[in-house]
ModelCIF file with pLDDT and N, C-alpha, C, O atoms, coordinates in Angstrom:
data_MODEL
#
_entry.id   MODEL 
#
_entity.id                         1 
_entity.type                       polymer 
_entity.pdbx_number_of_molecules   1 
#
_entity_poly.entity_id                      1 
_entity_poly.type                           'polypeptide(L)' 
_entity_poly.nstd_linkage                   no 
_entity_poly.nstd_monomer                   no 
_entity_poly.pdbx_seq_one_letter_code       IGIDIYRDLPVPPGTEELDQTLLATPRVVMVKQMGGGVLQGVPA 
_entity_poly.pdbx_seq_one_letter_code_can   IGIDIYRDLPVPPGTEELDQTLLATPRVVMVKQMGGGVLQGVPA 
_entity_poly.pdbx_strand_id                 A 
#
loop_
_entity_poly_seq.entity_id 
_entity_poly_seq.num 
_entity_poly_seq.mon_id 
_entity_poly_seq.hetero 
1 1  ILE n 
1 2  GLY n 
1 3  ILE n 
1 4  ASP n 
1 5  ILE n 
1 6  TYR n 
1 7  ARG n 
1 8  ASP n 
1 9  LEU n 
1 10 PRO n 
1 11 VAL n 
1 12 PRO n 
1 13 PRO n 
1 14 GLY n 
1 15 THR n 
1 16 GLU n 
1 17 GLU n 
1 18 LEU n 
1 19 ASP n 
1 20 GLN n 
1 21 THR n 
1 22 LEU n 
1 23 LEU n 
1 24 ALA n 
1 25 THR n 
1 26 PRO n 
1 27 ARG n 
1 28 VAL n 
1 29 VAL n 
1 30 MET n 
1 31 VAL n 
1 32 LYS n 
1 33 GLN n 
1 34 MET n 
1 35 GLY n 
1 36 GLY n 
1 37 GLY n 
1 38 VAL n 
1 39 LEU n 
1 40 GLN n 
1 41 GLY n 
1 42 VAL n 
1 43 PRO n 
1 44 ALA n 
#
_struct_asym.id          A 
_struct_asym.entity_id   1 
#
loop_
_ma_qa_metric.id 
_ma_qa_metric.mode 
_ma_qa_metric.name 
_ma_qa_metric.software_group_id 
_ma_qa_metric.type 
1 global pLDDT . pLDDT 
2 local  pLDDT . pLDDT 
#
_ma_qa_metric_global.metric_id      1 
_ma_qa_metric_global.metric_value   92.55 
_ma_qa_metric_global.model_id       1 
_ma_qa_metric_global.ordinal_id     1 
#
loop_
_ma_qa_metric_local.label_asym_id 
_ma_qa_metric_local.label_comp_id 
_ma_qa_metric_local.label_seq_id 
_ma_qa_metric_local.metric_id 
_ma_qa_metric_local.metric_value 
_ma_qa_metric_local.model_id 
_ma_qa_metric_local.ordinal_id 
A ILE 1  2 98.00 1 1  
A GLY 2  2 98.00 1 2  
A ILE 3  2 98.00 1 3  
A ASP 4  2 98.00 1 4  
A ILE 5  2 97.00 1 5  
A TYR 6  2 96.00 1 6  
A ARG 7  2 96.00 1 7  
A ASP 8  2 94.00 1 8  
A LEU 9  2 94.00 1 9  
A PRO 10 2 95.00 1 10 
A VAL 11 2 95.00 1 11 
A PRO 12 2 96.00 1 12 
A PRO 13 2 95.00 1 13 
A GLY 14 2 96.00 1 14 
A THR 15 2 96.00 1 15 
A GLU 16 2 97.00 1 16 
A GLU 17 2 97.00 1 17 
A LEU 18 2 98.00 1 18 
A ASP 19 2 97.00 1 19 
A GLN 20 2 97.00 1 20 
A THR 21 2 98.00 1 21 
A LEU 22 2 97.00 1 22 
A LEU 23 2 96.00 1 23 
A ALA 24 2 97.00 1 24 
A THR 25 2 97.00 1 25 
A PRO 26 2 96.00 1 26 
A ARG 27 2 98.00 1 27 
A VAL 28 2 98.00 1 28 
A VAL 29 2 98.00 1 29 
A MET 30 2 98.00 1 30 
A VAL 31 2 97.00 1 31 
A LYS 32 2 95.00 1 32 
A GLN 33 2 94.00 1 33 
A MET 34 2 90.00 1 34 
A GLY 35 2 76.00 1 35 
A GLY 36 2 70.00 1 36 
A GLY 37 2 66.00 1 37 
A VAL 38 2 67.00 1 38 
A LEU 39 2 71.00 1 39 
A GLN 40 2 79.00 1 40 
A GLY 41 2 86.00 1 41 
A VAL 42 2 93.00 1 42 
A PRO 43 2 93.00 1 43 
A ALA 44 2 94.00 1 44 
#
loop_
_atom_site.group_PDB 
_atom_site.id 
_atom_site.type_symbol 
_atom_site.label_atom_id 
_atom_site.label_alt_id 
_atom_site.label_comp_id 
_atom_site.label_asym_id 
_atom_site.label_entity_id 
_atom_site.label_seq_id 
_atom_site.pdbx_PDB_ins_code 
_atom_site.Cartn_x 
_atom_site.Cartn_y 
_atom_site.Cartn_z 
_atom_site.occupancy 
_atom_site.B_iso_or_equiv 
_atom_site.pdbx_formal_charge 
_atom_site.auth_seq_id 
_atom_site.auth_comp_id 
_atom_site.auth_asym_id 
_atom_site.auth_atom_id 
_atom_site.pdbx_PDB_model_num 
ATOM 1   N N  . ILE A 1 1  ? 26.507 66.702 5.860  1.00 98.00 ? 1  ILE A N  1 
ATOM 2   C CA . ILE A 1 1  ? 28.027 66.794 5.337  1.00 98.00 ? 1  ILE A CA 1 
ATOM 3   C C  . ILE A 1 1  ? 29.080 66.150 6.080  1.00 98.00 ? 1  ILE A C  1 
ATOM 4   O O  . ILE A 1 1  ? 29.359 66.608 7.187  1.00 98.00 ? 1  ILE A O  1 
ATOM 5   N N  . GLY A 1 2  ? 29.872 64.889 5.513  1.00 98.00 ? 2  GLY A N  1 
ATOM 6   C CA . GLY A 1 2  ? 30.845 64.353 6.098  1.00 98.00 ? 2  GLY A CA 1 
ATOM 7   C C  . GLY A 1 2  ? 32.179 64.520 5.513  1.00 98.00 ? 2  GLY A C  1 
ATOM 8   O O  . GLY A 1 2  ? 32.333 64.228 4.327  1.00 98.00 ? 2  GLY A O  1 
ATOM 9   N N  . ILE A 1 3  ? 33.470 65.096 6.433  1.00 98.00 ? 3  ILE A N  1 
ATOM 10  C CA . ILE A 1 3  ? 34.971 64.924 5.537  1.00 98.00 ? 3  ILE A CA 1 
ATOM 11  C C  . ILE A 1 3  ? 35.796 64.101 6.266  1.00 98.00 ? 3  ILE A C  1 
ATOM 12  O O  . ILE A 1 3  ? 36.309 64.368 7.352  1.00 98.00 ? 3  ILE A O  1 
ATOM 13  N N  . ASP A 1 4  ? 35.906 63.061 5.611  1.00 98.00 ? 4  ASP A N  1 
ATOM 14  C CA . ASP A 1 4  ? 36.369 61.933 5.692  1.00 98.00 ? 4  ASP A CA 1 
ATOM 15  C C  . ASP A 1 4  ? 37.866 62.140 5.879  1.00 98.00 ? 4  ASP A C  1 
ATOM 16  O O  . ASP A 1 4  ? 38.566 61.216 6.292  1.00 98.00 ? 4  ASP A O  1 
ATOM 17  N N  . ILE A 1 5  ? 38.302 63.180 5.620  1.00 97.00 ? 5  ILE A N  1 
ATOM 18  C CA . ILE A 1 5  ? 40.022 64.168 5.831  1.00 97.00 ? 5  ILE A CA 1 
ATOM 19  C C  . ILE A 1 5  ? 40.368 64.964 6.728  1.00 97.00 ? 5  ILE A C  1 
ATOM 20  O O  . ILE A 1 5  ? 39.923 66.081 6.991  1.00 97.00 ? 5  ILE A O  1 
ATOM 21  N N  . TYR A 1 6  ? 41.453 64.172 7.367  1.00 96.00 ? 6  TYR A N  1 
ATOM 22  C CA . TYR A 1 6  ? 41.936 65.085 8.786  1.00 96.00 ? 6  TYR A CA 1 
ATOM 23  C C  . TYR A 1 6  ? 42.221 66.325 8.147  1.00 96.00 ? 6  TYR A C  1 
ATOM 24  O O  . TYR A 1 6  ? 42.502 66.390 6.950  1.00 96.00 ? 6  TYR A O  1 
ATOM 25  N N  . ARG A 1 7  ? 42.157 67.351 8.935  1.00 96.00 ? 7  ARG A N  1 
ATOM 26  C CA . ARG A 1 7  ? 42.428 68.375 9.012  1.00 96.00 ? 7  ARG A CA 1 
ATOM 27  C C  . ARG A 1 7  ? 42.939 69.148 10.215 1.00 96.00 ? 7  ARG A C  1 
ATOM 28  O O  . ARG A 1 7  ? 42.568 70.255 10.605 1.00 96.00 ? 7  ARG A O  1 
ATOM 29  N N  . ASP A 1 8  ? 43.906 68.307 10.747 1.00 94.00 ? 8  ASP A N  1 
ATOM 30  C CA . ASP A 1 8  ? 44.673 69.027 12.384 1.00 94.00 ? 8  ASP A CA 1 
ATOM 31  C C  . ASP A 1 8  ? 45.320 70.036 12.355 1.00 94.00 ? 8  ASP A C  1 
ATOM 32  O O  . ASP A 1 8  ? 44.955 71.011 13.013 1.00 94.00 ? 8  ASP A O  1 
ATOM 33  N N  . LEU A 1 9  ? 46.808 70.072 11.338 1.00 94.00 ? 9  LEU A N  1 
ATOM 34  C CA . LEU A 1 9  ? 46.528 71.120 10.697 1.00 94.00 ? 9  LEU A CA 1 
ATOM 35  C C  . LEU A 1 9  ? 46.187 72.046 9.732  1.00 94.00 ? 9  LEU A C  1 
ATOM 36  O O  . LEU A 1 9  ? 45.446 71.595 8.858  1.00 94.00 ? 9  LEU A O  1 
ATOM 37  N N  . PRO A 1 10 ? 46.734 74.044 9.549  1.00 95.00 ? 10 PRO A N  1 
ATOM 38  C CA . PRO A 1 10 ? 46.826 74.156 8.405  1.00 95.00 ? 10 PRO A CA 1 
ATOM 39  C C  . PRO A 1 10 ? 47.091 73.554 7.615  1.00 95.00 ? 10 PRO A C  1 
ATOM 40  O O  . PRO A 1 10 ? 47.783 72.536 7.626  1.00 95.00 ? 10 PRO A O  1 
ATOM 41  N N  . VAL A 1 11 ? 46.179 74.491 6.083  1.00 95.00 ? 11 VAL A N  1 
ATOM 42  C CA . VAL A 1 11 ? 47.193 74.160 5.275  1.00 95.00 ? 11 VAL A CA 1 
ATOM 43  C C  . VAL A 1 11 ? 46.803 75.373 3.654  1.00 95.00 ? 11 VAL A C  1 
ATOM 44  O O  . VAL A 1 11 ? 46.466 75.537 2.482  1.00 95.00 ? 11 VAL A O  1 
ATOM 45  N N  . PRO A 1 12 ? 47.088 75.707 4.527  1.00 96.00 ? 12 PRO A N  1 
ATOM 46  C CA . PRO A 1 12 ? 46.930 77.570 3.779  1.00 96.00 ? 12 PRO A CA 1 
ATOM 47  C C  . PRO A 1 12 ? 47.591 77.476 1.956  1.00 96.00 ? 12 PRO A C  1 
ATOM 48  O O  . PRO A 1 12 ? 48.365 76.598 1.576  1.00 96.00 ? 12 PRO A O  1 
ATOM 49  N N  . PRO A 1 13 ? 47.065 78.559 1.103  1.00 95.00 ? 13 PRO A N  1 
ATOM 50  C CA . PRO A 1 13 ? 46.080 79.415 1.547  1.00 95.00 ? 13 PRO A CA 1 
ATOM 51  C C  . PRO A 1 13 ? 44.851 79.195 1.925  1.00 95.00 ? 13 PRO A C  1 
ATOM 52  O O  . PRO A 1 13 ? 44.150 78.246 1.573  1.00 95.00 ? 13 PRO A O  1 
ATOM 53  N N  . GLY A 1 14 ? 44.528 80.167 2.733  1.00 96.00 ? 14 GLY A N  1 
ATOM 54  C CA . GLY A 1 14 ? 42.465 79.966 2.975  1.00 96.00 ? 14 GLY A CA 1 
ATOM 55  C C  . GLY A 1 14 ? 42.196 79.554 4.009  1.00 96.00 ? 14 GLY A C  1 
ATOM 56  O O  . GLY A 1 14 ? 41.051 79.103 4.035  1.00 96.00 ? 14 GLY A O  1 
ATOM 57  N N  . THR A 1 15 ? 43.110 79.440 5.587  1.00 96.00 ? 15 THR A N  1 
ATOM 58  C CA . THR A 1 15 ? 42.648 79.183 6.479  1.00 96.00 ? 15 THR A CA 1 
ATOM 59  C C  . THR A 1 15 ? 41.960 79.416 7.229  1.00 96.00 ? 15 THR A C  1 
ATOM 60  O O  . THR A 1 15 ? 41.469 78.582 7.989  1.00 96.00 ? 15 THR A O  1 
ATOM 61  N N  . GLU A 1 16 ? 41.642 81.032 7.236  1.00 97.00 ? 16 GLU A N  1 
ATOM 62  C CA . GLU A 1 16 ? 40.519 81.707 7.636  1.00 97.00 ? 16 GLU A CA 1 
ATOM 63  C C  . GLU A 1 16 ? 39.071 81.456 7.133  1.00 97.00 ? 16 GLU A C  1 
ATOM 64  O O  . GLU A 1 16 ? 38.064 81.426 7.841  1.00 97.00 ? 16 GLU A O  1 
ATOM 65  N N  . GLU A 1 17 ? 39.153 81.243 5.492  1.00 97.00 ? 17 GLU A N  1 
ATOM 66  C CA . GLU A 1 17 ? 38.350 81.332 5.084  1.00 97.00 ? 17 GLU A CA 1 
ATOM 67  C C  . GLU A 1 17 ? 37.816 79.708 5.138  1.00 97.00 ? 17 GLU A C  1 
ATOM 68  O O  . GLU A 1 17 ? 36.811 79.171 4.672  1.00 97.00 ? 17 GLU A O  1 
ATOM 69  N N  . LEU A 1 18 ? 38.836 79.245 5.839  1.00 98.00 ? 18 LEU A N  1 
ATOM 70  C CA . LEU A 1 18 ? 37.668 77.082 5.829  1.00 98.00 ? 18 LEU A CA 1 
ATOM 71  C C  . LEU A 1 18 ? 37.468 77.244 7.255  1.00 98.00 ? 18 LEU A C  1 
ATOM 72  O O  . LEU A 1 18 ? 36.703 76.486 7.852  1.00 98.00 ? 18 LEU A O  1 
ATOM 73  N N  . ASP A 1 19 ? 38.080 78.151 7.837  1.00 97.00 ? 19 ASP A N  1 
ATOM 74  C CA . ASP A 1 19 ? 37.584 78.369 9.682  1.00 97.00 ? 19 ASP A CA 1 
ATOM 75  C C  . ASP A 1 19 ? 35.849 79.250 9.499  1.00 97.00 ? 19 ASP A C  1 
ATOM 76  O O  . ASP A 1 19 ? 34.812 78.660 9.804  1.00 97.00 ? 19 ASP A O  1 
ATOM 77  N N  . GLN A 1 20 ? 35.858 80.120 9.175  1.00 97.00 ? 20 GLN A N  1 
ATOM 78  C CA . GLN A 1 20 ? 34.954 80.833 8.796  1.00 97.00 ? 20 GLN A CA 1 
ATOM 79  C C  . GLN A 1 20 ? 33.780 80.299 8.309  1.00 97.00 ? 20 GLN A C  1 
ATOM 80  O O  . GLN A 1 20 ? 32.735 80.506 8.927  1.00 97.00 ? 20 GLN A O  1 
ATOM 81  N N  . THR A 1 21 ? 33.794 79.375 6.882  1.00 98.00 ? 21 THR A N  1 
ATOM 82  C CA . THR A 1 21 ? 33.072 78.153 6.700  1.00 98.00 ? 21 THR A CA 1 
ATOM 83  C C  . THR A 1 21 ? 32.841 77.409 6.717  1.00 98.00 ? 21 THR A C  1 
ATOM 84  O O  . THR A 1 21 ? 32.002 77.025 5.902  1.00 98.00 ? 21 THR A O  1 
ATOM 85  N N  . LEU A 1 22 ? 33.557 76.274 7.963  1.00 97.00 ? 22 LEU A N  1 
ATOM 86  C CA . LEU A 1 22 ? 32.900 75.745 8.877  1.00 97.00 ? 22 LEU A CA 1 
ATOM 87  C C  . LEU A 1 22 ? 32.205 75.960 9.719  1.00 97.00 ? 22 LEU A C  1 
ATOM 88  O O  . LEU A 1 22 ? 31.250 75.220 9.954  1.00 97.00 ? 22 LEU A O  1 
ATOM 89  N N  . LEU A 1 23 ? 32.432 76.873 10.320 1.00 96.00 ? 23 LEU A N  1 
ATOM 90  C CA . LEU A 1 23 ? 31.216 77.641 11.577 1.00 96.00 ? 23 LEU A CA 1 
ATOM 91  C C  . LEU A 1 23 ? 30.002 78.143 11.032 1.00 96.00 ? 23 LEU A C  1 
ATOM 92  O O  . LEU A 1 23 ? 29.109 78.405 11.838 1.00 96.00 ? 23 LEU A O  1 
ATOM 93  N N  . ALA A 1 24 ? 29.755 78.367 9.570  1.00 97.00 ? 24 ALA A N  1 
ATOM 94  C CA . ALA A 1 24 ? 28.957 79.142 8.653  1.00 97.00 ? 24 ALA A CA 1 
ATOM 95  C C  . ALA A 1 24 ? 27.892 77.812 7.955  1.00 97.00 ? 24 ALA A C  1 
ATOM 96  O O  . ALA A 1 24 ? 26.828 77.879 7.340  1.00 97.00 ? 24 ALA A O  1 
ATOM 97  N N  . THR A 1 25 ? 28.752 76.626 8.388  1.00 97.00 ? 25 THR A N  1 
ATOM 98  C CA . THR A 1 25 ? 27.707 75.289 7.891  1.00 97.00 ? 25 THR A CA 1 
ATOM 99  C C  . THR A 1 25 ? 28.024 74.521 8.584  1.00 97.00 ? 25 THR A C  1 
ATOM 100 O O  . THR A 1 25 ? 29.085 73.897 8.600  1.00 97.00 ? 25 THR A O  1 
ATOM 101 N N  . PRO A 1 26 ? 26.653 74.421 9.638  1.00 96.00 ? 26 PRO A N  1 
ATOM 102 C CA . PRO A 1 26 ? 25.930 72.940 11.097 1.00 96.00 ? 26 PRO A CA 1 
ATOM 103 C C  . PRO A 1 26 ? 25.882 72.221 10.372 1.00 96.00 ? 26 PRO A C  1 
ATOM 104 O O  . PRO A 1 26 ? 26.012 71.085 10.829 1.00 96.00 ? 26 PRO A O  1 
ATOM 105 N N  . ARG A 1 27 ? 25.679 72.310 8.816  1.00 98.00 ? 27 ARG A N  1 
ATOM 106 C CA . ARG A 1 27 ? 25.475 70.254 8.613  1.00 98.00 ? 27 ARG A CA 1 
ATOM 107 C C  . ARG A 1 27 ? 27.138 70.191 8.682  1.00 98.00 ? 27 ARG A C  1 
ATOM 108 O O  . ARG A 1 27 ? 27.536 69.319 9.455  1.00 98.00 ? 27 ARG A O  1 
ATOM 109 N N  . VAL A 1 28 ? 28.010 70.830 8.124  1.00 98.00 ? 28 VAL A N  1 
ATOM 110 C CA . VAL A 1 28 ? 29.221 69.446 8.001  1.00 98.00 ? 28 VAL A CA 1 
ATOM 111 C C  . VAL A 1 28 ? 29.463 69.200 9.344  1.00 98.00 ? 28 VAL A C  1 
ATOM 112 O O  . VAL A 1 28 ? 28.979 69.925 10.213 1.00 98.00 ? 28 VAL A O  1 
ATOM 113 N N  . VAL A 1 29 ? 30.284 68.087 9.638  1.00 98.00 ? 29 VAL A N  1 
ATOM 114 C CA . VAL A 1 29 ? 31.353 67.119 10.419 1.00 98.00 ? 29 VAL A CA 1 
ATOM 115 C C  . VAL A 1 29 ? 32.501 66.891 9.726  1.00 98.00 ? 29 VAL A C  1 
ATOM 116 O O  . VAL A 1 29 ? 32.512 66.700 8.510  1.00 98.00 ? 29 VAL A O  1 
ATOM 117 N N  . MET A 1 30 ? 33.651 66.900 10.548 1.00 98.00 ? 30 MET A N  1 
ATOM 118 C CA . MET A 1 30 ? 34.827 67.286 10.058 1.00 98.00 ? 30 MET A CA 1 
ATOM 119 C C  . MET A 1 30 ? 35.359 65.679 11.050 1.00 98.00 ? 30 MET A C  1 
ATOM 120 O O  . MET A 1 30 ? 34.810 65.016 11.929 1.00 98.00 ? 30 MET A O  1 
ATOM 121 N N  . VAL A 1 31 ? 36.398 65.604 10.477 1.00 97.00 ? 31 VAL A N  1 
ATOM 122 C CA . VAL A 1 31 ? 36.915 63.586 11.569 1.00 97.00 ? 31 VAL A CA 1 
ATOM 123 C C  . VAL A 1 31 ? 37.968 63.848 12.347 1.00 97.00 ? 31 VAL A C  1 
ATOM 124 O O  . VAL A 1 31 ? 38.672 64.769 11.933 1.00 97.00 ? 31 VAL A O  1 
ATOM 125 N N  . LYS A 1 32 ? 38.398 63.192 13.616 1.00 95.00 ? 32 LYS A N  1 
ATOM 126 C CA . LYS A 1 32 ? 39.071 63.059 13.930 1.00 95.00 ? 32 LYS A CA 1 
ATOM 127 C C  . LYS A 1 32 ? 39.231 61.697 14.631 1.00 95.00 ? 32 LYS A C  1 
ATOM 128 O O  . LYS A 1 32 ? 38.345 60.950 15.046 1.00 95.00 ? 32 LYS A O  1 
ATOM 129 N N  . GLN A 1 33 ? 40.880 61.515 14.676 1.00 94.00 ? 33 GLN A N  1 
ATOM 130 C CA . GLN A 1 33 ? 41.359 59.534 15.089 1.00 94.00 ? 33 GLN A CA 1 
ATOM 131 C C  . GLN A 1 33 ? 41.447 59.604 16.310 1.00 94.00 ? 33 GLN A C  1 
ATOM 132 O O  . GLN A 1 33 ? 42.152 60.501 16.772 1.00 94.00 ? 33 GLN A O  1 
ATOM 133 N N  . MET A 1 34 ? 40.777 58.703 17.191 1.00 90.00 ? 34 MET A N  1 
ATOM 134 C CA . MET A 1 34 ? 40.604 58.114 18.584 1.00 90.00 ? 34 MET A CA 1 
ATOM 135 C C  . MET A 1 34 ? 41.951 58.075 18.730 1.00 90.00 ? 34 MET A C  1 
ATOM 136 O O  . MET A 1 34 ? 42.444 58.987 19.393 1.00 90.00 ? 34 MET A O  1 
ATOM 137 N N  . GLY A 1 35 ? 42.670 57.248 18.275 1.00 76.00 ? 35 GLY A N  1 
ATOM 138 C CA . GLY A 1 35 ? 43.748 56.557 18.530 1.00 76.00 ? 35 GLY A CA 1 
ATOM 139 C C  . GLY A 1 35 ? 43.805 55.282 19.354 1.00 76.00 ? 35 GLY A C  1 
ATOM 140 O O  . GLY A 1 35 ? 42.729 54.713 19.540 1.00 76.00 ? 35 GLY A O  1 
ATOM 141 N N  . GLY A 1 36 ? 45.200 54.611 20.015 1.00 70.00 ? 36 GLY A N  1 
ATOM 142 C CA . GLY A 1 36 ? 45.129 53.717 20.677 1.00 70.00 ? 36 GLY A CA 1 
ATOM 143 C C  . GLY A 1 36 ? 45.816 53.087 20.313 1.00 70.00 ? 36 GLY A C  1 
ATOM 144 O O  . GLY A 1 36 ? 45.874 52.800 19.117 1.00 70.00 ? 36 GLY A O  1 
ATOM 145 N N  . GLY A 1 37 ? 46.593 52.633 21.190 1.00 66.00 ? 37 GLY A N  1 
ATOM 146 C CA . GLY A 1 37 ? 47.230 51.321 21.076 1.00 66.00 ? 37 GLY A CA 1 
ATOM 147 C C  . GLY A 1 37 ? 48.544 51.755 20.085 1.00 66.00 ? 37 GLY A C  1 
ATOM 148 O O  . GLY A 1 37 ? 49.312 52.613 20.521 1.00 66.00 ? 37 GLY A O  1 
ATOM 149 N N  . VAL A 1 38 ? 48.755 51.252 18.965 1.00 67.00 ? 38 VAL A N  1 
ATOM 150 C CA . VAL A 1 38 ? 50.355 52.221 18.087 1.00 67.00 ? 38 VAL A CA 1 
ATOM 151 C C  . VAL A 1 38 ? 49.575 52.963 17.583 1.00 67.00 ? 38 VAL A C  1 
ATOM 152 O O  . VAL A 1 38 ? 50.211 53.364 16.608 1.00 67.00 ? 38 VAL A O  1 
ATOM 153 N N  . LEU A 1 39 ? 48.048 53.730 17.542 1.00 71.00 ? 39 LEU A N  1 
ATOM 154 C CA . LEU A 1 39 ? 48.118 54.329 16.907 1.00 71.00 ? 39 LEU A CA 1 
ATOM 155 C C  . LEU A 1 39 ? 47.956 56.208 17.720 1.00 71.00 ? 39 LEU A C  1 
ATOM 156 O O  . LEU A 1 39 ? 47.262 56.649 18.636 1.00 71.00 ? 39 LEU A O  1 
ATOM 157 N N  . GLN A 1 40 ? 48.866 56.762 16.901 1.00 79.00 ? 40 GLN A N  1 
ATOM 158 C CA . GLN A 1 40 ? 48.526 58.146 17.778 1.00 79.00 ? 40 GLN A CA 1 
ATOM 159 C C  . GLN A 1 40 ? 47.090 58.640 17.458 1.00 79.00 ? 40 GLN A C  1 
ATOM 160 O O  . GLN A 1 40 ? 46.425 58.053 16.605 1.00 79.00 ? 40 GLN A O  1 
ATOM 161 N N  . GLY A 1 41 ? 46.574 59.781 18.175 1.00 86.00 ? 41 GLY A N  1 
ATOM 162 C CA . GLY A 1 41 ? 45.281 60.856 17.969 1.00 86.00 ? 41 GLY A CA 1 
ATOM 163 C C  . GLY A 1 41 ? 45.514 61.714 16.350 1.00 86.00 ? 41 GLY A C  1 
ATOM 164 O O  . GLY A 1 41 ? 46.541 61.991 15.729 1.00 86.00 ? 41 GLY A O  1 
ATOM 165 N N  . VAL A 1 42 ? 44.562 61.870 16.158 1.00 93.00 ? 42 VAL A N  1 
ATOM 166 C CA . VAL A 1 42 ? 44.539 62.854 14.921 1.00 93.00 ? 42 VAL A CA 1 
ATOM 167 C C  . VAL A 1 42 ? 43.586 63.607 15.256 1.00 93.00 ? 42 VAL A C  1 
ATOM 168 O O  . VAL A 1 42 ? 42.498 63.215 14.835 1.00 93.00 ? 42 VAL A O  1 
ATOM 169 N N  . PRO A 1 43 ? 43.561 64.894 16.077 1.00 93.00 ? 43 PRO A N  1 
ATOM 170 C CA . PRO A 1 43 ? 42.670 66.092 16.095 1.00 93.00 ? 43 PRO A CA 1 
ATOM 171 C C  . PRO A 1 43 ? 42.111 66.473 15.234 1.00 93.00 ? 43 PRO A C  1 
ATOM 172 O O  . PRO A 1 43 ? 42.767 66.673 14.212 1.00 93.00 ? 43 PRO A O  1 
ATOM 173 N N  . ALA A 1 44 ? 40.163 66.856 15.207 1.00 94.00 ? 44 ALA A N  1 
ATOM 174 C CA . ALA A 1 44 ? 39.932 67.572 14.492 1.00 94.00 ? 44 ALA A CA 1 
ATOM 175 C C  . ALA A 1 44 ? 40.252 69.223 14.120 1.00 94.00 ? 44 ALA A C  1 
ATOM 176 O O  . ALA A 1 44 ? 39.758 69.736 13.116 1.00 94.00 ? 44 ALA A O  1 
#
């Protein structure tokens, strides 16, 4: 499962629920942006 949507900041409600779901689902991959040049990175 690839989630090509940034989630560097919480978007409540359900932030704790999301954290638990992510840790309980090892087949999910969340994205980050490395950045560089004029682009700033976006953490996972």
